[in-house]
């Protein structure tokens, strides 16, 4: 039986003091921030929301429409260009670049909404896994999700393995889903259970309530607990500012600045190869 309760419609508030509570209850919330979209204001807001638990954060990245099936990051303008004509399915952020040490909180600030479409959706994956466990007919799938290491990324990213469901050393429960999850040379039972998990996620995505981020809306996400996505949209007006963060309860805290520098250097080398 599919969960009817895993979809989240984030509560909206003007009170930044309520965001930690809403994240603890629902895994997602929207803070109405006003009309200052500077990097400095956004980072100051996030630091105040996470408080002393914050250990690292990345500088804001712009997210806007572009061409191509895969996201393309322009380091010069710090802009990710995404295919706005396709639905972006449920996913966690950062698992391709940081592997097991992916960010545990993600913030998306809307500067301009899409002209048509672009509704967001969020699913509480921890709740989805808990609901599965309540039904004894799902015991095999539940054990698979907690114990079977899956390849969590494509070869283009950081290769790493982990079960779908885990608990960090800091006590955070984590459930991850993405369309790259796979098992090399799976047994028939493993293939069946992985297919069933992906079917459950697809059903939850379909049933999740849609909502629109308006100008000044800051979508705050527990990146360990929930997955998020968005529907296709028209035009190139939509502009978000994205920040990845790590707290003391994360699986690991990388050095985001060093990673940015390495990524920029590699992009430069690819664009201007040296003669052989």
C-alpha atoms as a PDB file:
ATOM      1  CA  UNK A   1       0.000   0.000   0.000  1.00  0.00           C
ATOM      2  CA  UNK A   2       1.452   3.368  -0.994  1.00  0.00           C
ATOM      3  CA  UNK A   3       1.813   6.119   1.606  1.00  0.00           C
ATOM      4  CA  UNK A   4      -0.774   8.868   1.341  1.00  0.00           C
ATOM      5  CA  UNK A   5       1.007  11.052   3.893  1.00  0.00           C
ATOM      6  CA  UNK A   6       4.601  11.412   2.671  1.00  0.00           C
ATOM      7  CA  UNK A   7       3.965  14.508   0.532  1.00  0.00           C
ATOM      8  CA  UNK A   8       4.746  17.795   2.289  1.00  0.00           C
ATOM      9  CA  UNK A   9       3.204  21.204   1.693  1.00  0.00           C
ATOM     10  CA  UNK A  10       5.728  23.439   3.484  1.00  0.00           C
ATOM     11  CA  UNK A  11       4.264  25.911   5.926  1.00  0.00           C
ATOM     12  CA  UNK A  12       4.965  29.562   5.085  1.00  0.00           C
ATOM     13  CA  UNK A  13       5.977  32.044   7.739  1.00  0.00           C
ATOM     14  CA  UNK A  14       7.454  35.516   8.166  1.00  0.00           C
ATOM     15  CA  UNK A  15       8.922  34.484  11.531  1.00  0.00           C
ATOM     16  CA  UNK A  16      12.470  33.158  11.110  1.00  0.00           C
ATOM     17  CA  UNK A  17      12.344  31.873  14.677  1.00  0.00           C
ATOM     18  CA  UNK A  18       9.769  29.240  13.662  1.00  0.00           C
ATOM     19  CA  UNK A  19      11.875  27.695  10.881  1.00  0.00           C
ATOM     20  CA  UNK A  20      13.898  25.272  13.083  1.00  0.00           C
ATOM     21  CA  UNK A  21      10.659  23.944  14.594  1.00  0.00           C
ATOM     22  CA  UNK A  22       8.992  23.560  11.182  1.00  0.00           C
ATOM     23  CA  UNK A  23      12.055  21.744   9.836  1.00  0.00           C
ATOM     24  CA  UNK A  24      11.962  19.394  12.817  1.00  0.00           C
ATOM     25  CA  UNK A  25       8.249  18.697  12.296  1.00  0.00           C
ATOM     26  CA  UNK A  26       7.977  18.560   8.503  1.00  0.00           C
ATOM     27  CA  UNK A  27      11.484  18.597   7.038  1.00  0.00           C
ATOM     28  CA  UNK A  28      10.614  21.664   4.948  1.00  0.00           C
ATOM     29  CA  UNK A  29       9.374  25.233   5.404  1.00  0.00           C
ATOM     30  CA  UNK A  30       9.165  28.507   3.479  1.00  0.00           C
ATOM     31  CA  UNK A  31      10.436  31.735   5.039  1.00  0.00           C
ATOM     32  CA  UNK A  32       9.157  34.933   3.442  1.00  0.00           C
ATOM     33  CA  UNK A  33      12.324  37.053   3.359  1.00  0.00           C
ATOM     34  CA  UNK A  34      11.474  40.256   1.504  1.00  0.00           C
ATOM     35  CA  UNK A  35      13.285  41.729  -1.488  1.00  0.00           C
ATOM     36  CA  UNK A  36      17.015  41.651  -0.635  1.00  0.00           C
ATOM     37  CA  UNK A  37      18.625  38.995  -2.856  1.00  0.00           C
ATOM     38  CA  UNK A  38      22.265  39.801  -2.174  1.00  0.00           C
ATOM     39  CA  UNK A  39      24.596  36.945  -1.271  1.00  0.00           C
ATOM     40  CA  UNK A  40      25.474  38.651   1.995  1.00  0.00           C
ATOM     41  CA  UNK A  41      21.857  38.937   3.143  1.00  0.00           C
ATOM     42  CA  UNK A  42      21.042  35.339   2.179  1.00  0.00           C
ATOM     43  CA  UNK A  43      24.079  33.905   3.976  1.00  0.00           C
ATOM     44  CA  UNK A  44      23.388  36.013   7.073  1.00  0.00           C
ATOM     45  CA  UNK A  45      19.814  34.702   7.102  1.00  0.00           C
ATOM     46  CA  UNK A  46      20.941  31.076   6.829  1.00  0.00           C
ATOM     47  CA  UNK A  47      23.560  31.467   9.549  1.00  0.00           C
ATOM     48  CA  UNK A  48      20.904  32.831  11.890  1.00  0.00           C
ATOM     49  CA  UNK A  49      18.539  29.951  11.067  1.00  0.00           C
ATOM     50  CA  UNK A  50      21.077  27.173  11.721  1.00  0.00           C
ATOM     51  CA  UNK A  51      22.876  28.902  14.585  1.00  0.00           C
ATOM     52  CA  UNK A  52      25.864  27.279  16.321  1.00  0.00           C
ATOM     53  CA  UNK A  53      25.179  23.894  14.690  1.00  0.00           C
ATOM     54  CA  UNK A  54      26.418  25.251  11.340  1.00  0.00           C
ATOM     55  CA  UNK A  55      29.822  23.903  10.332  1.00  0.00           C
ATOM     56  CA  UNK A  56      30.209  24.849   6.653  1.00  0.00           C
ATOM     57  CA  UNK A  57      28.319  26.381   3.755  1.00  0.00           C
ATOM     58  CA  UNK A  58      28.820  27.045   0.085  1.00  0.00           C
ATOM     59  CA  UNK A  59      28.511  30.432  -1.547  1.00  0.00           C
ATOM     60  CA  UNK A  60      25.142  30.981  -3.284  1.00  0.00           C
ATOM     61  CA  UNK A  61      24.656  29.560  -6.772  1.00  0.00           C
ATOM     62  CA  UNK A  62      22.054  30.933  -9.181  1.00  0.00           C
ATOM     63  CA  UNK A  63      19.677  28.400 -10.758  1.00  0.00           C
ATOM     64  CA  UNK A  64      17.994  29.330 -14.025  1.00  0.00           C
ATOM     65  CA  UNK A  65      16.696  27.897 -17.300  1.00  0.00           C
ATOM     66  CA  UNK A  66      19.109  26.607 -19.901  1.00  0.00           C
ATOM     67  CA  UNK A  67      19.504  24.012 -22.615  1.00  0.00           C
ATOM     68  CA  UNK A  68      20.646  20.407 -22.458  1.00  0.00           C
ATOM     69  CA  UNK A  69      19.404  17.342 -20.631  1.00  0.00           C
ATOM     70  CA  UNK A  70      21.909  17.696 -17.780  1.00  0.00           C
ATOM     71  CA  UNK A  71      22.538  20.668 -15.465  1.00  0.00           C
ATOM     72  CA  UNK A  72      25.509  22.821 -16.521  1.00  0.00           C
ATOM     73  CA  UNK A  73      27.441  24.915 -14.017  1.00  0.00           C
ATOM     74  CA  UNK A  74      29.084  28.118 -15.255  1.00  0.00           C
ATOM     75  CA  UNK A  75      31.773  28.846 -12.660  1.00  0.00           C
ATOM     76  CA  UNK A  76      32.345  32.355 -13.976  1.00  0.00           C
ATOM     77  CA  UNK A  77      28.826  33.491 -13.126  1.00  0.00           C
ATOM     78  CA  UNK A  78      28.190  30.797 -10.481  1.00  0.00           C
ATOM     79  CA  UNK A  79      25.029  29.796 -12.332  1.00  0.00           C
ATOM     80  CA  UNK A  80      23.512  26.350 -12.853  1.00  0.00           C
ATOM     81  CA  UNK A  81      21.575  26.108 -16.113  1.00  0.00           C
ATOM     82  CA  UNK A  82      18.860  23.436 -15.993  1.00  0.00           C
ATOM     83  CA  UNK A  83      16.436  22.019 -18.535  1.00  0.00           C
ATOM     84  CA  UNK A  84      13.232  23.815 -17.624  1.00  0.00           C
ATOM     85  CA  UNK A  85      11.151  21.837 -20.154  1.00  0.00           C
ATOM     86  CA  UNK A  86      11.561  18.606 -18.168  1.00  0.00           C
ATOM     87  CA  UNK A  87      10.295  17.700 -14.736  1.00  0.00           C
ATOM     88  CA  UNK A  88      13.059  17.508 -12.181  1.00  0.00           C
ATOM     89  CA  UNK A  89      12.240  14.369 -10.237  1.00  0.00           C
ATOM     90  CA  UNK A  90      12.641  13.787  -6.518  1.00  0.00           C
ATOM     91  CA  UNK A  91      16.261  14.053  -5.424  1.00  0.00           C
ATOM     92  CA  UNK A  92      18.656  15.167  -2.730  1.00  0.00           C
ATOM     93  CA  UNK A  93      21.151  17.921  -3.504  1.00  0.00           C
ATOM     94  CA  UNK A  94      24.926  17.544  -3.564  1.00  0.00           C
ATOM     95  CA  UNK A  95      25.339  13.753  -3.577  1.00  0.00           C
ATOM     96  CA  UNK A  96      27.074  13.863  -6.977  1.00  0.00           C
ATOM     97  CA  UNK A  97      29.736  16.366  -5.916  1.00  0.00           C
ATOM     98  CA  UNK A  98      30.253  15.467  -2.256  1.00  0.00           C
ATOM     99  CA  UNK A  99      29.374  11.776  -2.131  1.00  0.00           C
ATOM    100  CA  UNK A 100      28.493  10.477   1.328  1.00  0.00           C
ATOM    101  CA  UNK A 101      29.303  13.913   2.796  1.00  0.00           C
ATOM    102  CA  UNK A 102      26.484  15.612   0.907  1.00  0.00           C
ATOM    103  CA  UNK A 103      24.922  18.718   2.529  1.00  0.00           C
ATOM    104  CA  UNK A 104      22.338  18.095   5.215  1.00  0.00           C
ATOM    105  CA  UNK A 105      20.382  21.340   4.710  1.00  0.00           C
ATOM    106  CA  UNK A 106      19.546  23.086   1.440  1.00  0.00           C
ATOM    107  CA  UNK A 107      18.102  26.571   0.920  1.00  0.00           C
ATOM    108  CA  UNK A 108      16.448  27.842  -2.281  1.00  0.00           C
ATOM    109  CA  UNK A 109      15.548  31.540  -2.499  1.00  0.00           C
ATOM    110  CA  UNK A 110      13.174  32.641  -5.267  1.00  0.00           C
ATOM    111  CA  UNK A 111      14.015  35.987  -6.844  1.00  0.00           C
ATOM    112  CA  UNK A 112      11.685  35.524  -9.829  1.00  0.00           C
ATOM    113  CA  UNK A 113       8.996  32.893 -10.328  1.00  0.00           C
ATOM    114  CA  UNK A 114       8.357  31.100 -13.619  1.00  0.00           C
ATOM    115  CA  UNK A 115       5.989  32.673 -16.102  1.00  0.00           C
ATOM    116  CA  UNK A 116       4.043  29.408 -16.481  1.00  0.00           C
ATOM    117  CA  UNK A 117       4.471  26.197 -14.457  1.00  0.00           C
ATOM    118  CA  UNK A 118       7.447  25.396 -12.239  1.00  0.00           C
ATOM    119  CA  UNK A 119       5.531  24.151  -9.192  1.00  0.00           C
ATOM    120  CA  UNK A 120       7.717  22.546  -6.540  1.00  0.00           C
ATOM    121  CA  UNK A 121       7.032  19.359  -4.584  1.00  0.00           C
ATOM    122  CA  UNK A 122       8.573  17.773  -1.470  1.00  0.00           C
ATOM    123  CA  UNK A 123       8.318  14.227  -0.089  1.00  0.00           C
ATOM    124  CA  UNK A 124       9.244  13.175   3.441  1.00  0.00           C
ATOM    125  CA  UNK A 125      11.289  10.040   2.700  1.00  0.00           C
ATOM    126  CA  UNK A 126      11.804   9.186   6.374  1.00  0.00           C
ATOM    127  CA  UNK A 127       8.027   9.091   6.783  1.00  0.00           C
ATOM    128  CA  UNK A 128       7.710   7.018   3.609  1.00  0.00           C
ATOM    129  CA  UNK A 129      10.163   4.410   4.933  1.00  0.00           C
ATOM    130  CA  UNK A 130       8.459   4.413   8.351  1.00  0.00           C
ATOM    131  CA  UNK A 131       5.084   3.830   6.710  1.00  0.00           C
ATOM    132  CA  UNK A 132       6.508   0.866   4.802  1.00  0.00           C
ATOM    133  CA  UNK A 133       7.735  -0.692   8.025  1.00  0.00           C
ATOM    134  CA  UNK A 134       4.279  -0.478   9.612  1.00  0.00           C
ATOM    135  CA  UNK A 135       3.003  -2.991   7.047  1.00  0.00           C
ATOM    136  CA  UNK A 136       4.534  -6.423   7.715  1.00  0.00           C
ATOM    137  CA  UNK A 137       4.170  -7.354   4.060  1.00  0.00           C
ATOM    138  CA  UNK A 138       6.946  -4.823   3.388  1.00  0.00           C
ATOM    139  CA  UNK A 139       9.466  -6.360   5.814  1.00  0.00           C
ATOM    140  CA  UNK A 140      11.764  -7.593   3.030  1.00  0.00           C
ATOM    141  CA  UNK A 141      11.788  -4.182   1.355  1.00  0.00           C
ATOM    142  CA  UNK A 142      12.370  -2.389   4.672  1.00  0.00           C
ATOM    143  CA  UNK A 143      15.376  -4.576   5.491  1.00  0.00           C
ATOM    144  CA  UNK A 144      16.731  -4.003   1.971  1.00  0.00           C
ATOM    145  CA  UNK A 145      16.489  -0.224   2.365  1.00  0.00           C
ATOM    146  CA  UNK A 146      18.388  -0.242   5.653  1.00  0.00           C
ATOM    147  CA  UNK A 147      21.049  -2.836   4.867  1.00  0.00           C
ATOM    148  CA  UNK A 148      21.806  -3.096   1.112  1.00  0.00           C
ATOM    149  CA  UNK A 149      24.555  -0.707  -0.102  1.00  0.00           C
ATOM    150  CA  UNK A 150      23.555   0.899  -3.393  1.00  0.00           C
ATOM    151  CA  UNK A 151      25.695   2.779  -5.873  1.00  0.00           C
ATOM    152  CA  UNK A 152      24.384   6.275  -5.275  1.00  0.00           C
ATOM    153  CA  UNK A 153      25.816   8.206  -8.208  1.00  0.00           C
ATOM    154  CA  UNK A 154      26.659   8.017 -11.904  1.00  0.00           C
ATOM    155  CA  UNK A 155      30.322   7.786 -13.046  1.00  0.00           C
ATOM    156  CA  UNK A 156      30.231  11.545 -13.783  1.00  0.00           C
ATOM    157  CA  UNK A 157      30.002  12.262 -10.064  1.00  0.00           C
ATOM    158  CA  UNK A 158      31.649  11.048  -6.864  1.00  0.00           C
ATOM    159  CA  UNK A 159      31.205   7.273  -6.749  1.00  0.00           C
ATOM    160  CA  UNK A 160      30.006   6.062  -3.363  1.00  0.00           C
ATOM    161  CA  UNK A 161      27.884   3.316  -1.867  1.00  0.00           C
ATOM    162  CA  UNK A 162      25.401   3.437   0.989  1.00  0.00           C
ATOM    163  CA  UNK A 163      22.016   1.988   1.916  1.00  0.00           C
ATOM    164  CA  UNK A 164      18.940   4.062   1.161  1.00  0.00           C
ATOM    165  CA  UNK A 165      18.253   4.562   4.882  1.00  0.00           C
ATOM    166  CA  UNK A 166      20.952   5.394   7.439  1.00  0.00           C
ATOM    167  CA  UNK A 167      21.576   7.212  10.712  1.00  0.00           C
ATOM    168  CA  UNK A 168      24.478   9.646  11.000  1.00  0.00           C
ATOM    169  CA  UNK A 169      26.920   9.708  13.902  1.00  0.00           C
ATOM    170  CA  UNK A 170      25.175  12.912  14.936  1.00  0.00           C
ATOM    171  CA  UNK A 171      21.860  11.049  15.263  1.00  0.00           C
ATOM    172  CA  UNK A 172      20.202  12.294  12.063  1.00  0.00           C
ATOM    173  CA  UNK A 173      18.058   9.820  10.150  1.00  0.00           C
ATOM    174  CA  UNK A 174      18.700   9.939   6.430  1.00  0.00           C
ATOM    175  CA  UNK A 175      16.847   8.484   3.453  1.00  0.00           C
ATOM    176  CA  UNK A 176      18.112   9.258  -0.028  1.00  0.00           C
ATOM    177  CA  UNK A 177      16.580   8.756  -3.454  1.00  0.00           C
ATOM    178  CA  UNK A 178      17.741   9.674  -6.934  1.00  0.00           C
ATOM    179  CA  UNK A 179      17.474   8.238 -10.409  1.00  0.00           C
ATOM    180  CA  UNK A 180      21.135   7.090 -10.311  1.00  0.00           C
ATOM    181  CA  UNK A 181      20.679   4.499  -7.556  1.00  0.00           C
ATOM    182  CA  UNK A 182      21.702   1.072  -8.809  1.00  0.00           C
ATOM    183  CA  UNK A 183      23.369  -2.248  -7.945  1.00  0.00           C
ATOM    184  CA  UNK A 184      26.099  -3.772 -10.091  1.00  0.00           C
ATOM    185  CA  UNK A 185      25.142  -7.275 -11.202  1.00  0.00           C
ATOM    186  CA  UNK A 186      22.139  -7.542  -8.866  1.00  0.00           C
ATOM    187  CA  UNK A 187      20.489 -10.786  -7.909  1.00  0.00           C
ATOM    188  CA  UNK A 188      16.872 -11.179  -9.058  1.00  0.00           C
ATOM    189  CA  UNK A 189      15.717 -10.387  -5.515  1.00  0.00           C
ATOM    190  CA  UNK A 190      17.844  -7.241  -5.335  1.00  0.00           C
ATOM    191  CA  UNK A 191      16.617  -6.048  -8.724  1.00  0.00           C
ATOM    192  CA  UNK A 192      13.014  -6.623  -7.667  1.00  0.00           C
ATOM    193  CA  UNK A 193      13.407  -4.745  -4.378  1.00  0.00           C
ATOM    194  CA  UNK A 194      15.247  -1.811  -5.959  1.00  0.00           C
ATOM    195  CA  UNK A 195      12.516  -1.588  -8.578  1.00  0.00           C
ATOM    196  CA  UNK A 196       9.875  -1.634  -5.863  1.00  0.00           C
ATOM    197  CA  UNK A 197      11.643   1.195  -3.992  1.00  0.00           C
ATOM    198  CA  UNK A 198      11.789   3.322  -7.140  1.00  0.00           C
ATOM    199  CA  UNK A 199       8.119   2.601  -7.766  1.00  0.00           C
ATOM    200  CA  UNK A 200       7.232   3.787  -4.261  1.00  0.00           C
ATOM    201  CA  UNK A 201       9.222   6.983  -4.802  1.00  0.00           C
ATOM    202  CA  UNK A 202       7.563   7.599  -8.177  1.00  0.00           C
ATOM    203  CA  UNK A 203       4.128   7.136  -6.619  1.00  0.00           C
ATOM    204  CA  UNK A 204       4.969   9.514  -3.775  1.00  0.00           C
ATOM    205  CA  UNK A 205       6.206  12.097  -6.294  1.00  0.00           C
ATOM    206  CA  UNK A 206       2.983  11.846  -8.263  1.00  0.00           C
ATOM    207  CA  UNK A 207       0.816  12.253  -5.152  1.00  0.00           C
ATOM    208  CA  UNK A 208       2.839  15.053  -3.512  1.00  0.00           C
ATOM    209  CA  UNK A 209       1.052  18.409  -3.266  1.00  0.00           C
ATOM    210  CA  UNK A 210       2.395  21.123  -5.568  1.00  0.00           C
ATOM    211  CA  UNK A 211       3.218  24.624  -4.399  1.00  0.00           C
ATOM    212  CA  UNK A 212       4.735  27.738  -5.959  1.00  0.00           C
ATOM    213  CA  UNK A 213       7.629  29.708  -4.556  1.00  0.00           C
ATOM    214  CA  UNK A 214       6.949  33.401  -4.904  1.00  0.00           C
ATOM    215  CA  UNK A 215       9.381  36.306  -4.940  1.00  0.00           C
ATOM    216  CA  UNK A 216      11.271  36.382  -1.650  1.00  0.00           C
ATOM    217  CA  UNK A 217      10.249  32.857  -0.629  1.00  0.00           C
ATOM    218  CA  UNK A 218      13.137  30.875   0.913  1.00  0.00           C
ATOM    219  CA  UNK A 219      12.504  27.128   0.722  1.00  0.00           C
ATOM    220  CA  UNK A 220      14.334  25.500   3.644  1.00  0.00           C
ATOM    221  CA  UNK A 221      14.924  21.747   3.274  1.00  0.00           C
ATOM    222  CA  UNK A 222      16.264  18.982   5.506  1.00  0.00           C
ATOM    223  CA  UNK A 223      18.266  17.364   2.697  1.00  0.00           C
ATOM    224  CA  UNK A 224      18.657  14.114   4.678  1.00  0.00           C
ATOM    225  CA  UNK A 225      14.975  13.677   5.408  1.00  0.00           C
ATOM    226  CA  UNK A 226      13.099  15.008   2.376  1.00  0.00           C
ATOM    227  CA  UNK A 227      13.547  14.900  -1.373  1.00  0.00           C
ATOM    228  CA  UNK A 228      12.401  17.716  -3.623  1.00  0.00           C
ATOM    229  CA  UNK A 229      11.683  18.376  -7.280  1.00  0.00           C
ATOM    230  CA  UNK A 230       9.788  20.678  -9.608  1.00  0.00           C
ATOM    231  CA  UNK A 231       7.481  20.486 -12.583  1.00  0.00           C
ATOM    232  CA  UNK A 232       8.429  21.826 -16.049  1.00  0.00           C
ATOM    233  CA  UNK A 233       8.017  25.517 -16.712  1.00  0.00           C
ATOM    234  CA  UNK A 234       7.988  27.968 -19.614  1.00  0.00           C
ATOM    235  CA  UNK A 235      10.218  30.953 -20.224  1.00  0.00           C
ATOM    236  CA  UNK A 236      13.540  31.937 -18.703  1.00  0.00           C
ATOM    237  CA  UNK A 237      12.322  34.329 -15.999  1.00  0.00           C
ATOM    238  CA  UNK A 238      12.617  31.892 -13.079  1.00  0.00           C
ATOM    239  CA  UNK A 239      15.669  32.635 -10.935  1.00  0.00           C
ATOM    240  CA  UNK A 240      16.611  30.894  -7.693  1.00  0.00           C
ATOM    241  CA  UNK A 241      19.593  31.285  -5.362  1.00  0.00           C
ATOM    242  CA  UNK A 242      20.787  27.968  -3.894  1.00  0.00           C
ATOM    243  CA  UNK A 243      22.930  27.412  -0.813  1.00  0.00           C
ATOM    244  CA  UNK A 244      24.241  24.072   0.473  1.00  0.00           C
ATOM    245  CA  UNK A 245      25.118  23.767   4.173  1.00  0.00           C
ATOM    246  CA  UNK A 246      26.535  21.264   6.647  1.00  0.00           C
ATOM    247  CA  UNK A 247      25.802  21.091  10.372  1.00  0.00           C
ATOM    248  CA  UNK A 248      27.410  19.225  13.249  1.00  0.00           C
ATOM    249  CA  UNK A 249      25.036  16.284  12.628  1.00  0.00           C
ATOM    250  CA  UNK A 250      26.079  15.748   8.980  1.00  0.00           C
ATOM    251  CA  UNK A 251      27.808  12.565   7.771  1.00  0.00           C
ATOM    252  CA  UNK A 252      30.868  14.654   6.936  1.00  0.00           C
ATOM    253  CA  UNK A 253      31.888  18.274   6.515  1.00  0.00           C
ATOM    254  CA  UNK A 254      33.953  18.888   3.364  1.00  0.00           C
ATOM    255  CA  UNK A 255      35.781  22.057   2.409  1.00  0.00           C
ATOM    256  CA  UNK A 256      33.360  23.645  -0.099  1.00  0.00           C
ATOM    257  CA  UNK A 257      35.767  26.447  -1.080  1.00  0.00           C
ATOM    258  CA  UNK A 258      38.497  24.010  -2.048  1.00  0.00           C
ATOM    259  CA  UNK A 259      36.005  21.957  -4.048  1.00  0.00           C
ATOM    260  CA  UNK A 260      34.832  25.073  -5.895  1.00  0.00           C
ATOM    261  CA  UNK A 261      38.408  25.980  -6.813  1.00  0.00           C
ATOM    262  CA  UNK A 262      39.142  22.478  -8.090  1.00  0.00           C
ATOM    263  CA  UNK A 263      35.940  22.436 -10.115  1.00  0.00           C
ATOM    264  CA  UNK A 264      36.642  25.806 -11.674  1.00  0.00           C
ATOM    265  CA  UNK A 265      40.175  24.751 -12.612  1.00  0.00           C
ATOM    266  CA  UNK A 266      38.864  21.586 -14.263  1.00  0.00           C
ATOM    267  CA  UNK A 267      36.240  23.524 -16.230  1.00  0.00           C
ATOM    268  CA  UNK A 268      38.942  25.915 -17.419  1.00  0.00           C
ATOM    269  CA  UNK A 269      41.157  23.025 -18.515  1.00  0.00           C
ATOM    270  CA  UNK A 270      38.277  21.415 -20.416  1.00  0.00           C
ATOM    271  CA  UNK A 271      37.472  24.675 -22.204  1.00  0.00           C
ATOM    272  CA  UNK A 272      41.128  25.365 -23.128  1.00  0.00           C
ATOM    273  CA  UNK A 273      42.936  22.031 -23.554  1.00  0.00           C
ATOM    274  CA  UNK A 274      46.694  22.139 -23.801  1.00  0.00           C
ATOM    275  CA  UNK A 275      48.220  20.997 -27.129  1.00  0.00           C
ATOM    276  CA  UNK A 276      49.756  17.522 -27.083  1.00  0.00           C
END
